[in-house]
C-alpha atoms as a PDB file:
ATOM      1  CA  MET A   1      -0.022  -0.011   0.015  1.00  0.00           C
ATOM      2  CA  SER A   2       1.269   3.424  -0.833  1.00  0.00           C
ATOM      3  CA  ALA A   3       1.276   6.271   1.732  1.00  0.00           C
ATOM      4  CA  ARG A   4      -1.848   8.295   1.167  1.00  0.00           C
ATOM      5  CA  LYS A   5      -1.882   9.901   4.683  1.00  0.00           C
ATOM      6  CA  ALA A   6       0.539  12.435   6.097  1.00  0.00           C
ATOM      7  CA  ILE A   7       1.131  13.963   9.592  1.00  0.00           C
ATOM      8  CA  ILE A   8       2.372  17.554   9.884  1.00  0.00           C
ATOM      9  CA  PRO A   9       3.570  18.232  13.444  1.00  0.00           C
ATOM     10  CA  ALA A  10       2.845  21.958  14.209  1.00  0.00           C
ATOM     11  CA  ALA A  11       2.401  22.278  17.936  1.00  0.00           C
ATOM     12  CA  GLY A  12       5.586  24.004  18.988  1.00  0.00           C
ATOM     13  CA  PHE A  13       5.972  27.432  20.452  1.00  0.00           C
ATOM     14  CA  GLY A  14       8.270  28.777  17.736  1.00  0.00           C
ATOM     15  CA  THR A  15      10.531  30.430  20.271  1.00  0.00           C
ATOM     16  CA  ARG A  16      13.314  31.180  17.770  1.00  0.00           C
ATOM     17  CA  PHE A  17      10.989  33.620  16.083  1.00  0.00           C
ATOM     18  CA  LEU A  18       9.689  35.527  19.132  1.00  0.00           C
ATOM     19  CA  PRO A  19       8.249  38.030  19.441  1.00  0.00           C
ATOM     20  CA  ALA A  20       6.682  37.469  16.025  1.00  0.00           C
ATOM     21  CA  THR A  21       5.224  34.104  17.177  1.00  0.00           C
ATOM     22  CA  LYS A  22       3.856  35.397  20.507  1.00  0.00           C
ATOM     23  CA  ALA A  23       0.374  35.705  19.001  1.00  0.00           C
ATOM     24  CA  MET A  24       0.862  34.025  15.591  1.00  0.00           C
ATOM     25  CA  PRO A  25       1.834  30.356  14.989  1.00  0.00           C
ATOM     26  CA  LYS A  26       5.310  30.037  13.540  1.00  0.00           C
ATOM     27  CA  GLU A  27       3.809  27.866  10.802  1.00  0.00           C
ATOM     28  CA  MET A  28       1.800  30.884   9.578  1.00  0.00           C
ATOM     29  CA  ILE A  29       4.882  33.148   9.044  1.00  0.00           C
ATOM     30  CA  PRO A  30       4.714  33.971   5.291  1.00  0.00           C
ATOM     31  CA  VAL A  31       7.493  33.135   2.911  1.00  0.00           C
ATOM     32  CA  ILE A  32       6.707  35.630   0.120  1.00  0.00           C
ATOM     33  CA  ASP A  33       2.921  35.160  -0.163  1.00  0.00           C
ATOM     34  CA  LYS A  34       2.354  31.790   1.459  1.00  0.00           C
ATOM     35  CA  PRO A  35       2.728  30.635   5.045  1.00  0.00           C
ATOM     36  CA  LEU A  36       5.355  28.045   5.869  1.00  0.00           C
ATOM     37  CA  ILE A  37       2.785  25.223   6.463  1.00  0.00           C
ATOM     38  CA  GLN A  38       1.213  25.790   3.009  1.00  0.00           C
ATOM     39  CA  TYR A  39       4.480  24.824   1.348  1.00  0.00           C
ATOM     40  CA  THR A  40       4.477  21.600   3.410  1.00  0.00           C
ATOM     41  CA  ALA A  41       0.902  20.747   2.662  1.00  0.00           C
ATOM     42  CA  GLU A  42       1.376  21.464  -1.087  1.00  0.00           C
ATOM     43  CA  GLU A  43       4.413  19.158  -1.133  1.00  0.00           C
ATOM     44  CA  ALA A  44       2.312  16.436   0.518  1.00  0.00           C
ATOM     45  CA  ALA A  45      -0.552  16.863  -2.003  1.00  0.00           C
ATOM     46  CA  ALA A  46       1.879  16.884  -4.954  1.00  0.00           C
ATOM     47  CA  SER A  47       3.268  13.616  -3.638  1.00  0.00           C
ATOM     48  CA  GLY A  48      -0.082  11.848  -3.820  1.00  0.00           C
ATOM     49  CA  ILE A  49      -1.150  12.397  -0.231  1.00  0.00           C
ATOM     50  CA  SER A  50      -4.956  12.774   0.120  1.00  0.00           C
ATOM     51  CA  GLU A  51      -5.344  12.870   3.946  1.00  0.00           C
ATOM     52  CA  ILE A  52      -3.381  15.289   6.215  1.00  0.00           C
ATOM     53  CA  ALA A  53      -3.438  15.413  10.000  1.00  0.00           C
ATOM     54  CA  VAL A  54      -2.009  18.604  11.461  1.00  0.00           C
ATOM     55  CA  ILE A  55      -0.891  18.206  15.098  1.00  0.00           C
ATOM     56  CA  THR A  56      -1.713  21.488  16.852  1.00  0.00           C
ATOM     57  CA  SER A  57      -1.829  23.051  20.292  1.00  0.00           C
ATOM     58  CA  ARG A  58      -3.450  25.898  22.111  1.00  0.00           C
ATOM     59  CA  GLY A  59      -3.304  29.149  20.123  1.00  0.00           C
ATOM     60  CA  LYS A  60      -3.026  27.463  16.709  1.00  0.00           C
ATOM     61  CA  ALA A  61      -6.576  28.039  15.458  1.00  0.00           C
ATOM     62  CA  ALA A  62      -5.162  30.068  12.453  1.00  0.00           C
ATOM     63  CA  LEU A  63      -3.832  26.829  10.957  1.00  0.00           C
ATOM     64  CA  GLU A  64      -7.313  25.358  10.816  1.00  0.00           C
ATOM     65  CA  ASP A  65      -8.777  28.606   9.481  1.00  0.00           C
ATOM     66  CA  HIS A  66      -6.148  28.781   6.749  1.00  0.00           C
ATOM     67  CA  PHE A  67      -7.175  25.434   5.166  1.00  0.00           C
ATOM     68  CA  ASP A  68     -10.881  25.997   5.706  1.00  0.00           C
ATOM     69  CA  ARG A  69     -13.376  27.676   3.337  1.00  0.00           C
ATOM     70  CA  SER A  70     -13.808  31.444   3.784  1.00  0.00           C
ATOM     71  CA  PRO A  71     -17.248  32.216   2.068  1.00  0.00           C
ATOM     72  CA  GLU A  72     -17.031  35.950   3.004  1.00  0.00           C
ATOM     73  CA  LEU A  73     -13.586  36.390   1.442  1.00  0.00           C
ATOM     74  CA  GLU A  74     -14.532  34.386  -1.588  1.00  0.00           C
ATOM     75  CA  GLU A  75     -17.590  36.459  -2.115  1.00  0.00           C
ATOM     76  CA  PHE A  76     -15.558  39.661  -1.832  1.00  0.00           C
ATOM     77  CA  LEU A  77     -12.975  38.504  -4.321  1.00  0.00           C
ATOM     78  CA  GLN A  78     -15.733  37.334  -6.650  1.00  0.00           C
ATOM     79  CA  ALA A  79     -17.394  40.797  -6.495  1.00  0.00           C
ATOM     80  CA  LYS A  80     -14.122  42.602  -7.205  1.00  0.00           C
ATOM     81  CA  GLY A  81     -13.302  40.345 -10.106  1.00  0.00           C
ATOM     82  CA  LYS A  82     -10.103  38.985  -8.522  1.00  0.00           C
ATOM     83  CA  THR A  83     -10.520  35.609 -10.055  1.00  0.00           C
ATOM     84  CA  GLY A  84      -6.861  34.613  -9.715  1.00  0.00           C
ATOM     85  CA  LEU A  85      -6.788  35.236  -5.990  1.00  0.00           C
ATOM     86  CA  LEU A  86     -10.215  33.638  -5.677  1.00  0.00           C
ATOM     87  CA  GLU A  87      -8.834  30.425  -7.253  1.00  0.00           C
ATOM     88  CA  GLU A  88      -5.806  30.457  -4.910  1.00  0.00           C
ATOM     89  CA  VAL A  89      -7.991  30.832  -1.807  1.00  0.00           C
ATOM     90  CA  ARG A  90     -10.434  28.073  -2.861  1.00  0.00           C
ATOM     91  CA  LYS A  91      -7.583  25.736  -3.759  1.00  0.00           C
ATOM     92  CA  LEU A  92      -6.402  25.696  -0.148  1.00  0.00           C
ATOM     93  CA  SER A  93      -9.438  23.781   1.150  1.00  0.00           C
ATOM     94  CA  THR A  94      -9.205  21.250  -1.627  1.00  0.00           C
ATOM     95  CA  LEU A  95      -5.490  20.300  -1.305  1.00  0.00           C
ATOM     96  CA  ALA A  96      -6.446  17.374   0.876  1.00  0.00           C
ATOM     97  CA  ASN A  97      -8.869  16.240   3.512  1.00  0.00           C
ATOM     98  CA  PHE A  98      -7.562  17.915   6.730  1.00  0.00           C
ATOM     99  CA  THR A  99      -7.848  16.629  10.230  1.00  0.00           C
ATOM    100  CA  PHE A 100      -6.623  18.729  13.248  1.00  0.00           C
ATOM    101  CA  ILE A 101      -5.404  16.941  16.394  1.00  0.00           C
ATOM    102  CA  ARG A 102      -4.656  18.778  19.583  1.00  0.00           C
ATOM    103  CA  GLN A 103      -1.416  17.814  21.395  1.00  0.00           C
ATOM    104  CA  PRO A 104      -2.148  18.674  25.021  1.00  0.00           C
ATOM    105  CA  GLU A 105       1.534  18.737  26.038  1.00  0.00           C
ATOM    106  CA  MET A 106       4.618  19.126  23.831  1.00  0.00           C
ATOM    107  CA  LEU A 107       6.756  16.050  24.584  1.00  0.00           C
ATOM    108  CA  GLY A 108       8.913  15.790  21.548  1.00  0.00           C
ATOM    109  CA  LEU A 109       8.520  14.992  17.828  1.00  0.00           C
ATOM    110  CA  GLY A 110       8.031  11.295  18.537  1.00  0.00           C
ATOM    111  CA  HIS A 111       5.105  12.080  20.808  1.00  0.00           C
ATOM    112  CA  ALA A 112       3.619  14.495  18.321  1.00  0.00           C
ATOM    113  CA  ILE A 113       3.664  11.771  15.630  1.00  0.00           C
ATOM    114  CA  LEU A 114       2.103   9.296  18.089  1.00  0.00           C
ATOM    115  CA  MET A 115      -0.888  11.689  18.403  1.00  0.00           C
ATOM    116  CA  GLY A 116      -1.761  10.736  14.784  1.00  0.00           C
ATOM    117  CA  GLU A 117      -1.955   6.905  15.458  1.00  0.00           C
ATOM    118  CA  LYS A 118      -5.692   6.693  15.155  1.00  0.00           C
ATOM    119  CA  PHE A 119      -5.603   8.916  12.088  1.00  0.00           C
ATOM    120  CA  ALA A 120      -3.122   6.553  10.437  1.00  0.00           C
ATOM    121  CA  ALA A 121      -5.440   3.644  11.225  1.00  0.00           C
ATOM    122  CA  GLY A 122      -2.837   0.940  10.458  1.00  0.00           C
ATOM    123  CA  GLU A 123      -1.725   2.413   7.169  1.00  0.00           C
ATOM    124  CA  PRO A 124       1.737   3.692   6.146  1.00  0.00           C
ATOM    125  CA  VAL A 125       2.031   7.378   6.966  1.00  0.00           C
ATOM    126  CA  ALA A 126       4.351  10.195   5.797  1.00  0.00           C
ATOM    127  CA  VAL A 127       5.586  12.758   8.260  1.00  0.00           C
ATOM    128  CA  LEU A 128       6.554  16.291   7.127  1.00  0.00           C
ATOM    129  CA  THR A 129       7.976  18.930   9.496  1.00  0.00           C
ATOM    130  CA  PRO A 130       6.742  22.409   8.498  1.00  0.00           C
ATOM    131  CA  ASP A 131      10.073  24.113   9.284  1.00  0.00           C
ATOM    132  CA  ASP A 132      11.512  22.753   6.126  1.00  0.00           C
ATOM    133  CA  ILE A 133      10.788  23.987   2.574  1.00  0.00           C
ATOM    134  CA  TYR A 134      12.017  21.541  -0.103  1.00  0.00           C
ATOM    135  CA  ASP A 135      12.399  22.862  -3.679  1.00  0.00           C
ATOM    136  CA  CYS A 136      12.897  19.671  -5.746  1.00  0.00           C
ATOM    137  CA  PRO A 137      12.257  18.568  -9.336  1.00  0.00           C
ATOM    138  CA  VAL A 138      10.233  15.685  -7.854  1.00  0.00           C
ATOM    139  CA  PRO A 139       8.570  16.574  -4.477  1.00  0.00           C
ATOM    140  CA  CYS A 140      10.831  15.328  -1.666  1.00  0.00           C
ATOM    141  CA  THR A 141       8.030  13.222  -0.088  1.00  0.00           C
ATOM    142  CA  ARG A 142       7.264  11.633  -3.469  1.00  0.00           C
ATOM    143  CA  GLN A 143      10.900  10.563  -3.669  1.00  0.00           C
ATOM    144  CA  LEU A 144      10.551   8.790  -0.403  1.00  0.00           C
ATOM    145  CA  ILE A 145       7.215   7.218  -1.312  1.00  0.00           C
ATOM    146  CA  ASP A 146       8.807   5.803  -4.460  1.00  0.00           C
ATOM    147  CA  VAL A 147      11.520   4.116  -2.367  1.00  0.00           C
ATOM    148  CA  PHE A 148       8.901   2.929   0.113  1.00  0.00           C
ATOM    149  CA  LEU A 149       6.945   1.213  -2.641  1.00  0.00           C
ATOM    150  CA  GLU A 150      10.124  -0.513  -3.799  1.00  0.00           C
ATOM    151  CA  LYS A 151      11.409  -1.598  -0.353  1.00  0.00           C
ATOM    152  CA  LYS A 152       8.131  -2.027   1.550  1.00  0.00           C
ATOM    153  CA  ALA A 153       9.947  -0.475   4.542  1.00  0.00           C
ATOM    154  CA  THR A 154      10.353   2.845   6.375  1.00  0.00           C
ATOM    155  CA  VAL A 155      12.294   5.500   4.470  1.00  0.00           C
ATOM    156  CA  ILE A 156      13.777   8.717   5.917  1.00  0.00           C
ATOM    157  CA  VAL A 157      15.192  11.676   4.047  1.00  0.00           C
ATOM    158  CA  LEU A 158      18.905  12.258   4.377  1.00  0.00           C
ATOM    159  CA  GLY A 159      21.150  15.213   3.633  1.00  0.00           C
ATOM    160  CA  ARG A 160      24.850  15.935   4.034  1.00  0.00           C
ATOM    161  CA  VAL A 161      25.495  18.051   7.089  1.00  0.00           C
ATOM    162  CA  ASP A 162      28.623  19.838   8.487  1.00  0.00           C
ATOM    163  CA  LYS A 163      29.999  19.554  12.020  1.00  0.00           C
ATOM    164  CA  GLU A 164      27.564  22.028  13.280  1.00  0.00           C
ATOM    165  CA  GLY A 165      24.741  20.126  11.703  1.00  0.00           C
ATOM    166  CA  THR A 166      25.598  17.075  13.842  1.00  0.00           C
ATOM    167  CA  LYS A 167      24.534  19.146  16.756  1.00  0.00           C
ATOM    168  CA  LYS A 168      21.139  20.052  15.179  1.00  0.00           C
ATOM    169  CA  TYR A 169      19.965  16.844  13.504  1.00  0.00           C
ATOM    170  CA  GLY A 170      19.683  13.154  14.010  1.00  0.00           C
ATOM    171  CA  ILE A 171      22.576  11.322  12.357  1.00  0.00           C
ATOM    172  CA  VAL A 172      22.576   7.847  10.826  1.00  0.00           C
ATOM    173  CA  LYS A 173      25.010   5.008  10.703  1.00  0.00           C
ATOM    174  CA  VAL A 174      25.024   3.194   7.333  1.00  0.00           C
ATOM    175  CA  LYS A 175      24.744  -0.497   7.194  1.00  0.00           C
ATOM    176  CA  ARG A 176      25.278  -0.656   3.422  1.00  0.00           C
ATOM    177  CA  GLN A 177      24.995   1.680   0.488  1.00  0.00           C
ATOM    178  CA  LEU A 178      22.621   0.415  -2.267  1.00  0.00           C
ATOM    179  CA  SER A 179      23.020   3.224  -4.780  1.00  0.00           C
ATOM    180  CA  ASP A 180      24.312   6.771  -5.056  1.00  0.00           C
ATOM    181  CA  ARG A 181      21.342   7.998  -3.042  1.00  0.00           C
ATOM    182  CA  LEU A 182      19.921   4.930  -1.168  1.00  0.00           C
ATOM    183  CA  PHE A 183      21.301   3.539   2.136  1.00  0.00           C
ATOM    184  CA  GLU A 184      20.220   0.797   4.518  1.00  0.00           C
ATOM    185  CA  ILE A 185      20.446   2.201   8.065  1.00  0.00           C
ATOM    186  CA  ALA A 186      22.244   0.400  10.857  1.00  0.00           C
ATOM    187  CA  ASP A 187      21.791   2.913  13.702  1.00  0.00           C
ATOM    188  CA  THR A 188      20.678   6.453  14.551  1.00  0.00           C
ATOM    189  CA  ALA A 189      21.713   9.077  17.109  1.00  0.00           C
ATOM    190  CA  GLU A 190      19.877  12.219  18.094  1.00  0.00           C
ATOM    191  CA  LYS A 191      22.138  15.331  17.846  1.00  0.00           C
ATOM    192  CA  PRO A 192      25.339  13.510  18.711  1.00  0.00           C
ATOM    193  CA  GLY A 193      27.822  16.270  17.928  1.00  0.00           C
ATOM    194  CA  PRO A 194      30.884  15.926  15.682  1.00  0.00           C
ATOM    195  CA  GLU A 195      32.827  13.726  18.104  1.00  0.00           C
ATOM    196  CA  ARG A 196      30.140  11.021  18.369  1.00  0.00           C
ATOM    197  CA  ALA A 197      28.507  11.303  14.905  1.00  0.00           C
ATOM    198  CA  PHE A 198      28.345   8.107  12.863  1.00  0.00           C
ATOM    199  CA  SER A 199      28.556  10.016   9.581  1.00  0.00           C
ATOM    200  CA  ASP A 200      27.717  13.265   7.879  1.00  0.00           C
ATOM    201  CA  LEU A 201      24.271  12.044   6.899  1.00  0.00           C
ATOM    202  CA  GLY A 202      21.517  13.963   8.788  1.00  0.00           C
ATOM    203  CA  ILE A 203      17.810  13.195   9.103  1.00  0.00           C
ATOM    204  CA  LEU A 204      16.079  16.299   7.682  1.00  0.00           C
ATOM    205  CA  GLY A 205      12.361  16.314   8.438  1.00  0.00           C
ATOM    206  CA  ARG A 206      10.742  13.974   5.904  1.00  0.00           C
ATOM    207  CA  TYR A 207       9.721  10.365   6.618  1.00  0.00           C
ATOM    208  CA  VAL A 208       7.544   7.627   5.268  1.00  0.00           C
ATOM    209  CA  PHE A 209       6.796   5.130   8.043  1.00  0.00           C
ATOM    210  CA  THR A 210       5.334   1.659   8.186  1.00  0.00           C
ATOM    211  CA  PRO A 211       2.499   1.355  10.757  1.00  0.00           C
ATOM    212  CA  GLU A 212       4.877  -0.234  13.208  1.00  0.00           C
ATOM    213  CA  ILE A 213       6.384   3.149  13.995  1.00  0.00           C
ATOM    214  CA  PHE A 214       3.703   3.809  16.528  1.00  0.00           C
ATOM    215  CA  GLY A 215       4.519   0.707  18.587  1.00  0.00           C
ATOM    216  CA  ALA A 216       8.220   1.733  18.384  1.00  0.00           C
ATOM    217  CA  ILE A 217       7.412   5.144  19.679  1.00  0.00           C
ATOM    218  CA  LYS A 218       5.506   3.664  22.627  1.00  0.00           C
ATOM    219  CA  ARG A 219       8.583   1.567  23.517  1.00  0.00           C
ATOM    220  CA  THR A 220      11.015   4.441  23.232  1.00  0.00           C
ATOM    221  CA  PRO A 221      12.307   5.874  26.497  1.00  0.00           C
ATOM    222  CA  VAL A 222      12.074   9.562  27.037  1.00  0.00           C
ATOM    223  CA  ASP A 223      15.257  11.660  26.863  1.00  0.00           C
ATOM    224  CA  SER A 224      16.893  13.848  29.563  1.00  0.00           C
ATOM    225  CA  ARG A 225      14.274  16.532  28.818  1.00  0.00           C
ATOM    226  CA  GLY A 226      11.346  14.134  29.256  1.00  0.00           C
ATOM    227  CA  GLU A 227      10.679  14.013  25.460  1.00  0.00           C
ATOM    228  CA  ILE A 228      10.341  11.205  22.949  1.00  0.00           C
ATOM    229  CA  GLN A 229      12.563  11.825  19.937  1.00  0.00           C
ATOM    230  CA  ILE A 230      11.641  10.290  16.599  1.00  0.00           C
ATOM    231  CA  THR A 231      15.317   9.553  15.959  1.00  0.00           C
ATOM    232  CA  ASP A 232      15.333   7.315  19.074  1.00  0.00           C
ATOM    233  CA  ALA A 233      12.073   5.647  17.948  1.00  0.00           C
ATOM    234  CA  ILE A 234      13.708   4.791  14.607  1.00  0.00           C
ATOM    235  CA  LYS A 235      16.476   3.124  16.493  1.00  0.00           C
ATOM    236  CA  VAL A 236      13.811   0.974  18.283  1.00  0.00           C
ATOM    237  CA  LEU A 237      12.138   0.262  14.944  1.00  0.00           C
ATOM    238  CA  LEU A 238      15.427  -0.998  13.530  1.00  0.00           C
ATOM    239  CA  ALA A 239      15.399  -3.889  15.956  1.00  0.00           C
ATOM    240  CA  ASP A 240      12.311  -5.303  14.183  1.00  0.00           C
ATOM    241  CA  GLN A 241      12.581  -4.252  10.513  1.00  0.00           C
ATOM    242  CA  PRO A 242      14.891  -2.569   7.984  1.00  0.00           C
ATOM    243  CA  VAL A 243      14.957   1.145   7.649  1.00  0.00           C
ATOM    244  CA  TYR A 244      16.297   2.982   4.592  1.00  0.00           C
ATOM    245  CA  GLY A 245      17.610   6.515   4.121  1.00  0.00           C
ATOM    246  CA  TYR A 246      17.412   8.415   0.830  1.00  0.00           C
ATOM    247  CA  LEU A 247      19.677  11.293  -0.098  1.00  0.00           C
ATOM    248  CA  PHE A 248      17.080  13.553  -1.664  1.00  0.00           C
ATOM    249  CA  GLU A 249      17.515  15.332  -4.997  1.00  0.00           C
ATOM    250  CA  GLY A 250      16.828  19.091  -4.752  1.00  0.00           C
ATOM    251  CA  LYS A 251      17.328  21.995  -2.435  1.00  0.00           C
ATOM    252  CA  ARG A 252      16.186  22.319   1.229  1.00  0.00           C
ATOM    253  CA  TYR A 253      15.714  25.534   3.223  1.00  0.00           C
ATOM    254  CA  ASP A 254      15.688  25.228   6.967  1.00  0.00           C
ATOM    255  CA  CYS A 255      13.162  27.868   7.752  1.00  0.00           C
ATOM    256  CA  GLY A 256      13.157  27.000  11.502  1.00  0.00           C
ATOM    257  CA  ASN A 257      15.905  29.471  12.093  1.00  0.00           C
ATOM    258  CA  LYS A 258      16.150  33.102  11.023  1.00  0.00           C
ATOM    259  CA  LEU A 259      19.085  32.779   8.583  1.00  0.00           C
ATOM    260  CA  GLY A 260      17.579  29.765   6.904  1.00  0.00           C
ATOM    261  CA  PHE A 261      14.243  31.541   6.695  1.00  0.00           C
ATOM    262  CA  LEU A 262      15.932  34.507   4.948  1.00  0.00           C
ATOM    263  CA  GLU A 263      17.758  32.248   2.621  1.00  0.00           C
ATOM    264  CA  GLY A 264      14.627  30.390   1.622  1.00  0.00           C
ATOM    265  CA  THR A 265      12.702  33.586   1.158  1.00  0.00           C
ATOM    266  CA  ILE A 266      15.321  35.168  -1.096  1.00  0.00           C
ATOM    267  CA  ALA A 267      15.959  31.956  -3.082  1.00  0.00           C
ATOM    268  CA  LEU A 268      12.262  31.364  -3.760  1.00  0.00           C
ATOM    269  CA  ALA A 269      11.638  35.023  -4.505  1.00  0.00           C
ATOM    270  CA  LEU A 270      14.459  34.962  -7.075  1.00  0.00           C
ATOM    271  CA  LYS A 271      12.498  32.243  -8.846  1.00  0.00           C
ATOM    272  CA  HIS A 272       9.102  33.985  -8.540  1.00  0.00           C
ATOM    273  CA  PRO A 273       7.759  34.836 -12.017  1.00  0.00           C
ATOM    274  CA  GLU A 274       6.126  38.030 -10.810  1.00  0.00           C
ATOM    275  CA  PHE A 275       9.155  39.956  -9.677  1.00  0.00           C
ATOM    276  CA  SER A 276      12.306  37.784  -9.851  1.00  0.00           C
ATOM    277  CA  SER A 277      14.032  40.114 -12.417  1.00  0.00           C
ATOM    278  CA  GLU A 278      13.292  43.275 -10.432  1.00  0.00           C
ATOM    279  CA  LEU A 279      14.387  41.650  -7.205  1.00  0.00           C
ATOM    280  CA  ARG A 280      17.690  40.566  -8.688  1.00  0.00           C
ATOM    281  CA  ASP A 281      18.337  44.142  -9.895  1.00  0.00           C
ATOM    282  CA  LEU A 282      17.423  45.490  -6.412  1.00  0.00           C
ATOM    283  CA  ILE A 283      19.750  43.106  -4.689  1.00  0.00           C
ATOM    284  CA  ASN A 284      22.628  44.098  -7.064  1.00  0.00           C
ATOM    285  CA  GLN A 285      21.923  47.710  -6.375  1.00  0.00           C
ATOM    286  CA  MET A 286      22.050  47.166  -2.653  1.00  0.00           C
ATOM    287  CA  LEU A 287      25.365  45.245  -2.884  1.00  0.00           C
ATOM    288  CA  SER A 288      27.079  47.677  -5.241  1.00  0.00           C
END
């Protein structure tokens, strides 16, 4: 069975973007003219996902509103003849069937994913973190689904990271390399640092899991902060079944930090058909 369901964990406080996120969910911060989470949902839909569960928390009602119909706004745009904008607004509610699940307490990414167990209902499930924008010739999640269909096993996205990255991301140990981009995983470590890192292959926020991931999460001990990390749950899953890592093809922007957010905004704006040329000229003027 292919993955037709996806979980988007979006319950965090977004402290790295305070004070902007004091009253607005981090996932609603716009990159050009779309909020972060819309890029994630569009990637899922373009990958063949038809059911999306968004894991939320108190103060995140804007996420639900964003993907809901807005008859008053649609009527206004219709009356003003703004058909292009009307189409964009209407498209949001038809990207997928959305479910919103409240996480009462933030206890790590593994716990957030576990909140979607009933939603997954025994099916394979993709997980996409909304901090990451992937700009790929084939949607990143679709790349993982294609491997999942071939291997019938959990697949996680991998990317090369530097020494600083080993402090920010889960790192994998490779059991064997099957192709230029595909690896069978032997072990994982959550943010080990350069001295303890198995490799330079980091886990970068995209996953396609077999249903057994939920049992693995339940058996995963909490870390020193009392949280369940999905990297540790993958290690538990490895005891029962193979897990593969795929070195994705494309570009990733880590919009969970300010510099990555700026990089993603500028890079995508320079590709935007409406103003890319003018923006390039403006940047050259500012740098001259």
